[in-house]
Amino acid sequence: MTPQMSGVFAWLNSLDARSAWLAIGLLLAIGEMVIPGVFLIWLAGAALLTGLATFLLPLAGAEQVVLFAILALGSVLAGRTWIARNPVESEDPQLNDRGGRMTGQMVIVTEEIAGGEGRVRHGDSEWLARGPDAVIGTRLRVAGHEGTVLLVEHLH
């Protein structure tokens, strides 16, 4: 354990249970901001609620841990359900799909497509291609892709 970590644990041990739960909740919330992943925030909420409950109710240490576990499980499940029902819409759904982004665009054959396979150029990149036979220099349209292989067709 690093000296910094032992200092954090010593600091948490110096707090009363109510303050410790609130501090843990705040540390988890900060952790979510530093390493976003939409997971720590639910645990942070559970810790904060546990801290608030210890202010209102005389809970023993084991009861606090059980309450935190129940709240953490409930908040994670509720969060997953909410995220599934309210997905984040991307402004550019094909952002990381280069082949999908090229659908409908024109390419030029750089290696003859014979027997259904060859190579085409799009911009400054060459791609493996499948489609109708075509000689070098032929302009084709990208109809789709299978992984890194472009599916091409003749221009109509």
N, C-alpha and C. Protein backbone atom coordinates (compact mmCIF):
# COMPACT_ATOMS: atom_id res chain seq x y z
N MET A 1 0.85 -1.17 0.00
CA MET A 1 0.00 0.00 0.00
C MET A 1 0.90 1.23 0.00
N THR A 2 0.54 2.19 -0.83
CA THR A 2 1.35 3.41 -0.93
C THR A 2 1.11 4.28 0.30
N PRO A 3 2.06 5.16 0.59
CA PRO A 3 1.87 6.07 1.74
C PRO A 3 0.63 6.95 1.59
N GLN A 4 0.32 7.35 0.33
CA GLN A 4 -0.86 8.19 0.11
C GLN A 4 -2.14 7.41 0.47
N MET A 5 -2.20 6.12 0.06
CA MET A 5 -3.39 5.32 0.35
C MET A 5 -3.54 5.10 1.86
N SER A 6 -2.42 4.82 2.53
CA SER A 6 -2.53 4.61 3.98
C SER A 6 -2.97 5.90 4.67
N GLY A 7 -2.59 7.06 4.10
CA GLY A 7 -3.04 8.33 4.65
C GLY A 7 -4.53 8.53 4.48
N VAL A 8 -5.07 8.10 3.32
CA VAL A 8 -6.52 8.21 3.09
C VAL A 8 -7.27 7.32 4.07
N PHE A 9 -6.79 6.08 4.25
CA PHE A 9 -7.48 5.17 5.17
C PHE A 9 -7.37 5.68 6.61
N ALA A 10 -6.24 6.23 6.99
CA ALA A 10 -6.09 6.79 8.34
C ALA A 10 -7.07 7.95 8.54
N TRP A 11 -7.20 8.77 7.50
CA TRP A 11 -8.14 9.89 7.58
C TRP A 11 -9.57 9.39 7.71
N LEU A 12 -9.95 8.36 6.91
CA LEU A 12 -11.31 7.80 7.01
C LEU A 12 -11.56 7.19 8.38
N ASN A 13 -10.54 6.52 8.96
CA ASN A 13 -10.69 5.91 10.28
C ASN A 13 -10.88 6.96 11.37
N SER A 14 -10.39 8.17 11.13
CA SER A 14 -10.53 9.22 12.14
C SER A 14 -11.93 9.83 12.15
N LEU A 15 -12.73 9.56 11.11
CA LEU A 15 -14.08 10.13 11.02
C LEU A 15 -15.08 9.24 11.75
N ASP A 16 -16.19 9.85 12.21
CA ASP A 16 -17.27 9.04 12.74
C ASP A 16 -17.97 8.37 11.56
N ALA A 17 -18.79 7.38 11.82
CA ALA A 17 -19.41 6.57 10.76
C ALA A 17 -20.20 7.42 9.78
N ARG A 18 -20.96 8.39 10.29
CA ARG A 18 -21.77 9.22 9.40
C ARG A 18 -20.90 9.99 8.43
N SER A 19 -19.89 10.62 8.94
CA SER A 19 -19.00 11.41 8.09
C SER A 19 -18.20 10.52 7.14
N ALA A 20 -17.84 9.33 7.60
CA ALA A 20 -17.08 8.41 6.75
C ALA A 20 -17.90 8.00 5.53
N TRP A 21 -19.19 7.68 5.74
CA TRP A 21 -20.04 7.31 4.60
C TRP A 21 -20.18 8.47 3.62
N LEU A 22 -20.34 9.67 4.13
CA LEU A 22 -20.44 10.84 3.25
C LEU A 22 -19.13 11.07 2.50
N ALA A 23 -18.01 10.89 3.20
CA ALA A 23 -16.70 11.05 2.55
C ALA A 23 -16.50 9.99 1.47
N ILE A 24 -16.89 8.75 1.77
CA ILE A 24 -16.77 7.67 0.78
C ILE A 24 -17.64 7.99 -0.44
N GLY A 25 -18.84 8.48 -0.19
CA GLY A 25 -19.72 8.86 -1.29
C GLY A 25 -19.11 9.95 -2.15
N LEU A 26 -18.54 10.95 -1.51
CA LEU A 26 -17.90 12.03 -2.27
C LEU A 26 -16.67 11.54 -3.03
N LEU A 27 -15.87 10.67 -2.41
CA LEU A 27 -14.70 10.11 -3.10
C LEU A 27 -15.12 9.27 -4.31
N LEU A 28 -16.19 8.50 -4.17
CA LEU A 28 -16.68 7.72 -5.31
C LEU A 28 -17.23 8.63 -6.41
N ALA A 29 -17.90 9.71 -6.03
CA ALA A 29 -18.41 10.66 -7.03
C ALA A 29 -17.25 11.33 -7.76
N ILE A 30 -16.22 11.69 -7.03
CA ILE A 30 -15.03 12.27 -7.66
C ILE A 30 -14.39 11.24 -8.58
N GLY A 31 -14.33 9.98 -8.13
CA GLY A 31 -13.79 8.92 -8.96
C GLY A 31 -14.56 8.77 -10.26
N GLU A 32 -15.87 8.93 -10.22
CA GLU A 32 -16.69 8.86 -11.45
C GLU A 32 -16.35 10.00 -12.39
N MET A 33 -16.05 11.17 -11.83
CA MET A 33 -15.70 12.31 -12.69
C MET A 33 -14.31 12.13 -13.30
N VAL A 34 -13.40 11.56 -12.54
CA VAL A 34 -12.04 11.36 -13.02
C VAL A 34 -11.98 10.21 -14.03
N ILE A 35 -12.69 9.13 -13.74
CA ILE A 35 -12.72 7.95 -14.61
C ILE A 35 -14.19 7.67 -14.94
N PRO A 36 -14.77 8.41 -15.90
CA PRO A 36 -16.19 8.24 -16.18
C PRO A 36 -16.49 6.85 -16.72
N GLY A 37 -17.52 6.26 -16.21
CA GLY A 37 -17.91 4.94 -16.66
C GLY A 37 -19.35 4.62 -16.29
N VAL A 38 -20.04 5.58 -15.69
CA VAL A 38 -21.43 5.44 -15.27
C VAL A 38 -21.61 4.22 -14.38
N PHE A 39 -20.70 4.04 -13.45
CA PHE A 39 -20.85 2.94 -12.50
C PHE A 39 -20.59 3.43 -11.09
N LEU A 40 -19.50 4.13 -10.88
CA LEU A 40 -19.17 4.59 -9.53
C LEU A 40 -20.21 5.56 -8.98
N ILE A 41 -20.91 6.26 -9.87
CA ILE A 41 -21.89 7.24 -9.40
C ILE A 41 -23.02 6.56 -8.62
N TRP A 42 -23.36 5.33 -9.02
CA TRP A 42 -24.44 4.62 -8.31
C TRP A 42 -23.96 4.20 -6.93
N LEU A 43 -22.71 3.79 -6.82
CA LEU A 43 -22.15 3.44 -5.51
C LEU A 43 -22.00 4.69 -4.65
N ALA A 44 -21.65 5.80 -5.28
CA ALA A 44 -21.54 7.06 -4.55
C ALA A 44 -22.90 7.44 -3.95
N GLY A 45 -23.95 7.30 -4.75
CA GLY A 45 -25.30 7.60 -4.25
C GLY A 45 -25.67 6.71 -3.09
N ALA A 46 -25.33 5.42 -3.20
CA ALA A 46 -25.64 4.48 -2.11
C ALA A 46 -24.87 4.87 -0.84
N ALA A 47 -23.61 5.26 -0.97
CA ALA A 47 -22.82 5.66 0.20
C ALA A 47 -23.37 6.93 0.82
N LEU A 48 -23.76 7.89 -0.02
CA LEU A 48 -24.33 9.13 0.50
C LEU A 48 -25.65 8.87 1.21
N LEU A 49 -26.49 8.02 0.64
CA LEU A 49 -27.76 7.68 1.30
C LEU A 49 -27.51 6.94 2.61
N THR A 50 -26.51 6.07 2.63
CA THR A 50 -26.16 5.37 3.88
C THR A 50 -25.71 6.39 4.93
N GLY A 51 -24.90 7.36 4.50
CA GLY A 51 -24.47 8.41 5.43
C GLY A 51 -25.64 9.20 5.98
N LEU A 52 -26.59 9.56 5.10
CA LEU A 52 -27.77 10.29 5.56
C LEU A 52 -28.61 9.44 6.52
N ALA A 53 -28.72 8.13 6.22
CA ALA A 53 -29.50 7.24 7.09
C ALA A 53 -28.86 7.15 8.48
N THR A 54 -27.52 7.17 8.54
CA THR A 54 -26.86 7.10 9.85
C THR A 54 -27.07 8.37 10.67
N PHE A 55 -27.36 9.49 10.00
CA PHE A 55 -27.70 10.72 10.72
C PHE A 55 -29.09 10.61 11.34
N LEU A 56 -29.99 9.89 10.64
CA LEU A 56 -31.39 9.82 11.08
C LEU A 56 -31.69 8.63 11.98
N LEU A 57 -30.95 7.52 11.80
CA LEU A 57 -31.23 6.29 12.54
C LEU A 57 -29.98 5.82 13.29
N PRO A 58 -30.17 5.24 14.46
CA PRO A 58 -29.01 4.71 15.20
C PRO A 58 -28.65 3.32 14.65
N LEU A 59 -27.83 3.28 13.61
CA LEU A 59 -27.46 2.02 12.97
C LEU A 59 -26.09 1.56 13.43
N ALA A 60 -25.98 0.27 13.74
CA ALA A 60 -24.69 -0.32 14.10
C ALA A 60 -23.86 -0.47 12.83
N GLY A 61 -22.58 -0.75 12.98
CA GLY A 61 -21.68 -0.87 11.84
C GLY A 61 -22.13 -1.92 10.84
N ALA A 62 -22.52 -3.11 11.31
CA ALA A 62 -22.96 -4.18 10.41
C ALA A 62 -24.24 -3.76 9.68
N GLU A 63 -25.14 -3.10 10.37
CA GLU A 63 -26.38 -2.63 9.74
C GLU A 63 -26.08 -1.60 8.65
N GLN A 64 -25.10 -0.76 8.89
CA GLN A 64 -24.71 0.24 7.90
C GLN A 64 -24.16 -0.43 6.63
N VAL A 65 -23.34 -1.45 6.83
CA VAL A 65 -22.76 -2.17 5.68
C VAL A 65 -23.87 -2.88 4.90
N VAL A 66 -24.80 -3.51 5.61
CA VAL A 66 -25.91 -4.19 4.92
C VAL A 66 -26.77 -3.17 4.17
N LEU A 67 -27.06 -2.04 4.80
CA LEU A 67 -27.83 -0.99 4.14
C LEU A 67 -27.11 -0.50 2.89
N PHE A 68 -25.80 -0.28 3.01
CA PHE A 68 -25.03 0.15 1.84
C PHE A 68 -25.10 -0.90 0.73
N ALA A 69 -24.94 -2.16 1.07
CA ALA A 69 -24.97 -3.23 0.07
C ALA A 69 -26.32 -3.26 -0.65
N ILE A 70 -27.40 -3.13 0.11
CA ILE A 70 -28.75 -3.14 -0.49
C ILE A 70 -28.93 -1.91 -1.38
N LEU A 71 -28.54 -0.74 -0.88
CA LEU A 71 -28.67 0.48 -1.67
C LEU A 71 -27.78 0.44 -2.92
N ALA A 72 -26.58 -0.10 -2.78
CA ALA A 72 -25.67 -0.19 -3.93
C ALA A 72 -26.26 -1.10 -4.99
N LEU A 73 -26.73 -2.27 -4.59
CA LEU A 73 -27.33 -3.20 -5.54
C LEU A 73 -28.56 -2.59 -6.20
N GLY A 74 -29.42 -1.99 -5.39
CA GLY A 74 -30.62 -1.36 -5.93
C GLY A 74 -30.32 -0.21 -6.87
N SER A 75 -29.35 0.62 -6.51
CA SER A 75 -29.04 1.77 -7.37
C SER A 75 -28.37 1.34 -8.66
N VAL A 76 -27.51 0.33 -8.62
CA VAL A 76 -26.88 -0.17 -9.84
C VAL A 76 -27.93 -0.78 -10.77
N LEU A 77 -28.83 -1.58 -10.21
CA LEU A 77 -29.89 -2.18 -11.04
C LEU A 77 -30.83 -1.11 -11.60
N ALA A 78 -31.18 -0.14 -10.77
CA ALA A 78 -32.05 0.95 -11.25
C ALA A 78 -31.33 1.77 -12.32
N GLY A 79 -30.05 2.03 -12.11
CA GLY A 79 -29.27 2.78 -13.09
C GLY A 79 -29.16 2.05 -14.42
N ARG A 80 -28.91 0.75 -14.37
CA ARG A 80 -28.81 -0.05 -15.61
C ARG A 80 -30.14 -0.05 -16.34
N THR A 81 -31.24 -0.17 -15.59
CA THR A 81 -32.57 -0.15 -16.21
C THR A 81 -32.84 1.20 -16.86
N TRP A 82 -32.51 2.26 -16.16
CA TRP A 82 -32.74 3.61 -16.69
C TRP A 82 -31.91 3.84 -17.95
N ILE A 83 -30.64 3.43 -17.92
CA ILE A 83 -29.78 3.61 -19.09
C ILE A 83 -30.29 2.79 -20.27
N ALA A 84 -30.77 1.58 -20.00
CA ALA A 84 -31.30 0.74 -21.09
C ALA A 84 -32.55 1.37 -21.70
N ARG A 85 -33.37 2.01 -20.90
CA ARG A 85 -34.60 2.64 -21.41
C ARG A 85 -34.35 4.01 -22.02
N ASN A 86 -33.25 4.64 -21.68
CA ASN A 86 -32.92 5.98 -22.17
C ASN A 86 -31.52 6.00 -22.77
N PRO A 87 -31.32 5.30 -23.89
CA PRO A 87 -29.96 5.25 -24.46
C PRO A 87 -29.52 6.63 -24.96
N VAL A 88 -28.23 6.84 -24.92
CA VAL A 88 -27.65 8.09 -25.39
C VAL A 88 -27.56 8.00 -26.91
N GLU A 89 -28.22 8.92 -27.58
CA GLU A 89 -28.20 8.96 -29.04
C GLU A 89 -26.93 9.65 -29.51
N SER A 90 -26.22 9.01 -30.40
CA SER A 90 -25.00 9.60 -30.93
C SER A 90 -25.33 10.55 -32.07
N GLU A 91 -24.60 11.66 -32.14
CA GLU A 91 -24.78 12.57 -33.26
C GLU A 91 -24.22 11.97 -34.53
N ASP A 92 -23.29 11.04 -34.41
CA ASP A 92 -22.68 10.38 -35.56
C ASP A 92 -22.57 8.89 -35.24
N PRO A 93 -23.63 8.11 -35.50
CA PRO A 93 -23.61 6.69 -35.13
C PRO A 93 -22.52 5.88 -35.81
N GLN A 94 -21.98 6.35 -36.92
CA GLN A 94 -20.94 5.60 -37.62
C GLN A 94 -19.56 6.18 -37.36
N LEU A 95 -19.39 6.88 -36.25
CA LEU A 95 -18.14 7.54 -35.94
C LEU A 95 -16.95 6.58 -36.01
N ASN A 96 -17.08 5.41 -35.46
CA ASN A 96 -15.97 4.46 -35.43
C ASN A 96 -16.18 3.31 -36.42
N ASP A 97 -16.98 3.52 -37.44
CA ASP A 97 -17.27 2.50 -38.43
C ASP A 97 -16.88 3.03 -39.81
N ARG A 98 -15.57 2.94 -40.11
CA ARG A 98 -15.08 3.52 -41.37
C ARG A 98 -15.75 2.90 -42.58
N GLY A 99 -15.92 1.58 -42.57
CA GLY A 99 -16.57 0.92 -43.70
C GLY A 99 -18.00 1.40 -43.87
N GLY A 100 -18.73 1.54 -42.77
CA GLY A 100 -20.10 2.03 -42.83
C GLY A 100 -20.18 3.46 -43.31
N ARG A 101 -19.22 4.28 -42.94
CA ARG A 101 -19.20 5.68 -43.38
C ARG A 101 -19.00 5.80 -44.88
N MET A 102 -18.37 4.79 -45.48
CA MET A 102 -18.07 4.86 -46.91
C MET A 102 -19.22 4.36 -47.78
N THR A 103 -20.23 3.76 -47.17
CA THR A 103 -21.36 3.25 -47.96
C THR A 103 -21.95 4.37 -48.81
N GLY A 104 -22.08 4.08 -50.10
CA GLY A 104 -22.62 5.05 -51.04
C GLY A 104 -21.55 5.90 -51.72
N GLN A 105 -20.33 5.84 -51.24
CA GLN A 105 -19.26 6.65 -51.82
C GLN A 105 -18.56 5.89 -52.95
N MET A 106 -17.86 6.65 -53.78
CA MET A 106 -17.19 6.08 -54.93
C MET A 106 -15.76 5.67 -54.58
N VAL A 107 -15.33 4.55 -55.17
CA VAL A 107 -13.96 4.05 -55.02
C VAL A 107 -13.42 3.73 -56.41
N ILE A 108 -12.10 3.62 -56.50
CA ILE A 108 -11.46 3.29 -57.78
C ILE A 108 -10.70 1.99 -57.61
N VAL A 109 -10.87 1.08 -58.55
CA VAL A 109 -10.20 -0.22 -58.51
C VAL A 109 -8.70 -0.01 -58.70
N THR A 110 -7.89 -0.55 -57.77
CA THR A 110 -6.42 -0.44 -57.88
C THR A 110 -5.79 -1.79 -58.17
N GLU A 111 -6.48 -2.85 -57.85
CA GLU A 111 -6.05 -4.21 -58.19
C GLU A 111 -7.28 -4.90 -58.75
N GLU A 112 -7.17 -5.38 -59.95
CA GLU A 112 -8.31 -5.94 -60.67
C GLU A 112 -9.17 -6.83 -59.77
N ILE A 113 -10.48 -6.60 -59.87
CA ILE A 113 -11.41 -7.47 -59.14
C ILE A 113 -11.72 -8.63 -60.08
N ALA A 114 -11.20 -9.78 -59.74
CA ALA A 114 -11.40 -10.99 -60.55
C ALA A 114 -11.87 -12.09 -59.63
N GLY A 115 -12.87 -12.81 -60.06
CA GLY A 115 -13.43 -13.86 -59.20
C GLY A 115 -14.09 -13.28 -57.97
N GLY A 116 -14.48 -12.01 -58.05
CA GLY A 116 -15.21 -11.38 -56.95
C GLY A 116 -14.35 -10.69 -55.92
N GLU A 117 -12.99 -10.74 -56.05
CA GLU A 117 -12.14 -10.12 -55.04
C GLU A 117 -11.04 -9.28 -55.68
N GLY A 118 -10.69 -8.17 -55.04
CA GLY A 118 -9.64 -7.28 -55.51
C GLY A 118 -9.38 -6.20 -54.49
N ARG A 119 -8.84 -5.05 -54.96
CA ARG A 119 -8.55 -3.94 -54.06
C ARG A 119 -9.05 -2.65 -54.69
N VAL A 120 -9.48 -1.73 -53.82
CA VAL A 120 -9.97 -0.43 -54.28
C VAL A 120 -9.33 0.66 -53.43
N ARG A 121 -9.33 1.88 -53.97
CA ARG A 121 -8.81 3.04 -53.25
C ARG A 121 -9.96 3.98 -52.92
N HIS A 122 -9.94 4.43 -51.66
CA HIS A 122 -10.86 5.47 -51.21
C HIS A 122 -10.02 6.49 -50.48
N GLY A 123 -9.95 7.69 -51.01
CA GLY A 123 -9.10 8.71 -50.40
C GLY A 123 -7.65 8.28 -50.50
N ASP A 124 -6.97 8.19 -49.35
CA ASP A 124 -5.57 7.79 -49.35
C ASP A 124 -5.37 6.36 -48.86
N SER A 125 -6.45 5.58 -48.80
CA SER A 125 -6.36 4.22 -48.29
C SER A 125 -6.81 3.20 -49.34
N GLU A 126 -6.16 2.04 -49.29
CA GLU A 126 -6.59 0.93 -50.13
C GLU A 126 -7.30 -0.08 -49.26
N TRP A 127 -8.34 -0.66 -49.83
CA TRP A 127 -9.17 -1.61 -49.11
C TRP A 127 -9.33 -2.88 -49.93
N LEU A 128 -9.45 -4.01 -49.25
CA LEU A 128 -9.87 -5.23 -49.93
C LEU A 128 -11.32 -5.02 -50.34
N ALA A 129 -11.67 -5.59 -51.49
CA ALA A 129 -13.04 -5.39 -51.98
C ALA A 129 -13.59 -6.68 -52.55
N ARG A 130 -14.89 -6.83 -52.44
CA ARG A 130 -15.64 -7.93 -53.07
C ARG A 130 -16.74 -7.32 -53.91
N GLY A 131 -16.90 -7.86 -55.10
CA GLY A 131 -17.94 -7.37 -55.97
C GLY A 131 -17.77 -7.90 -57.38
N PRO A 132 -18.46 -7.28 -58.32
CA PRO A 132 -18.39 -7.74 -59.70
C PRO A 132 -16.99 -7.50 -60.28
N ASP A 133 -16.60 -8.35 -61.22
CA ASP A 133 -15.29 -8.20 -61.85
C ASP A 133 -15.15 -6.80 -62.44
N ALA A 134 -13.97 -6.20 -62.27
CA ALA A 134 -13.71 -4.85 -62.77
C ALA A 134 -12.21 -4.70 -62.97
N VAL A 135 -11.83 -3.94 -63.99
CA VAL A 135 -10.42 -3.70 -64.30
C VAL A 135 -9.91 -2.50 -63.51
N ILE A 136 -8.59 -2.37 -63.44
CA ILE A 136 -7.97 -1.26 -62.73
C ILE A 136 -8.45 0.06 -63.33
N GLY A 137 -8.79 1.00 -62.46
CA GLY A 137 -9.27 2.31 -62.88
C GLY A 137 -10.78 2.44 -62.93
N THR A 138 -11.49 1.33 -62.81
CA THR A 138 -12.96 1.37 -62.84
C THR A 138 -13.48 2.04 -61.57
N ARG A 139 -14.49 2.88 -61.75
CA ARG A 139 -15.14 3.54 -60.60
C ARG A 139 -16.32 2.68 -60.16
N LEU A 140 -16.35 2.38 -58.88
CA LEU A 140 -17.42 1.58 -58.29
C LEU A 140 -17.98 2.32 -57.09
N ARG A 141 -19.13 1.86 -56.62
CA ARG A 141 -19.77 2.45 -55.43
C ARG A 141 -19.71 1.42 -54.31
N VAL A 142 -19.48 1.90 -53.10
CA VAL A 142 -19.47 1.04 -51.92
C VAL A 142 -20.92 0.76 -51.53
N ALA A 143 -21.29 -0.53 -51.53
CA ALA A 143 -22.65 -0.93 -51.18
C ALA A 143 -22.76 -1.32 -49.71
N GLY A 144 -21.64 -1.61 -49.09
CA GLY A 144 -21.63 -2.03 -47.69
C GLY A 144 -20.24 -2.54 -47.33
N HIS A 145 -20.16 -3.26 -46.24
CA HIS A 145 -18.87 -3.82 -45.83
C HIS A 145 -19.08 -5.02 -44.95
N GLU A 146 -18.10 -5.90 -44.93
CA GLU A 146 -18.04 -7.04 -44.01
C GLU A 146 -16.70 -6.94 -43.32
N GLY A 147 -16.70 -6.40 -42.14
CA GLY A 147 -15.44 -6.15 -41.43
C GLY A 147 -14.66 -5.10 -42.18
N THR A 148 -13.44 -5.46 -42.63
CA THR A 148 -12.59 -4.52 -43.33
C THR A 148 -12.64 -4.71 -44.83
N VAL A 149 -13.56 -5.50 -45.32
CA VAL A 149 -13.70 -5.75 -46.76
C VAL A 149 -14.90 -4.94 -47.27
N LEU A 150 -14.66 -4.09 -48.28
CA LEU A 150 -15.75 -3.31 -48.84
C LEU A 150 -16.50 -4.13 -49.87
N LEU A 151 -17.80 -4.04 -49.82
CA LEU A 151 -18.67 -4.66 -50.82
C LEU A 151 -18.99 -3.59 -51.84
N VAL A 152 -18.58 -3.82 -53.09
CA VAL A 152 -18.72 -2.79 -54.11
C VAL A 152 -19.67 -3.23 -55.21
N GLU A 153 -20.18 -2.24 -55.95
CA GLU A 153 -21.09 -2.50 -57.07
C GLU A 153 -20.81 -1.46 -58.15
N HIS A 154 -21.23 -1.78 -59.37
CA HIS A 154 -21.07 -0.83 -60.47
C HIS A 154 -21.97 0.38 -60.24
N LEU A 155 -21.54 1.53 -60.73
CA LEU A 155 -22.35 2.74 -60.67
C LEU A 155 -23.54 2.54 -61.61
N HIS A 156 -24.69 2.99 -61.22
CA HIS A 156 -25.88 2.84 -62.06
C HIS A 156 -26.25 4.14 -62.70
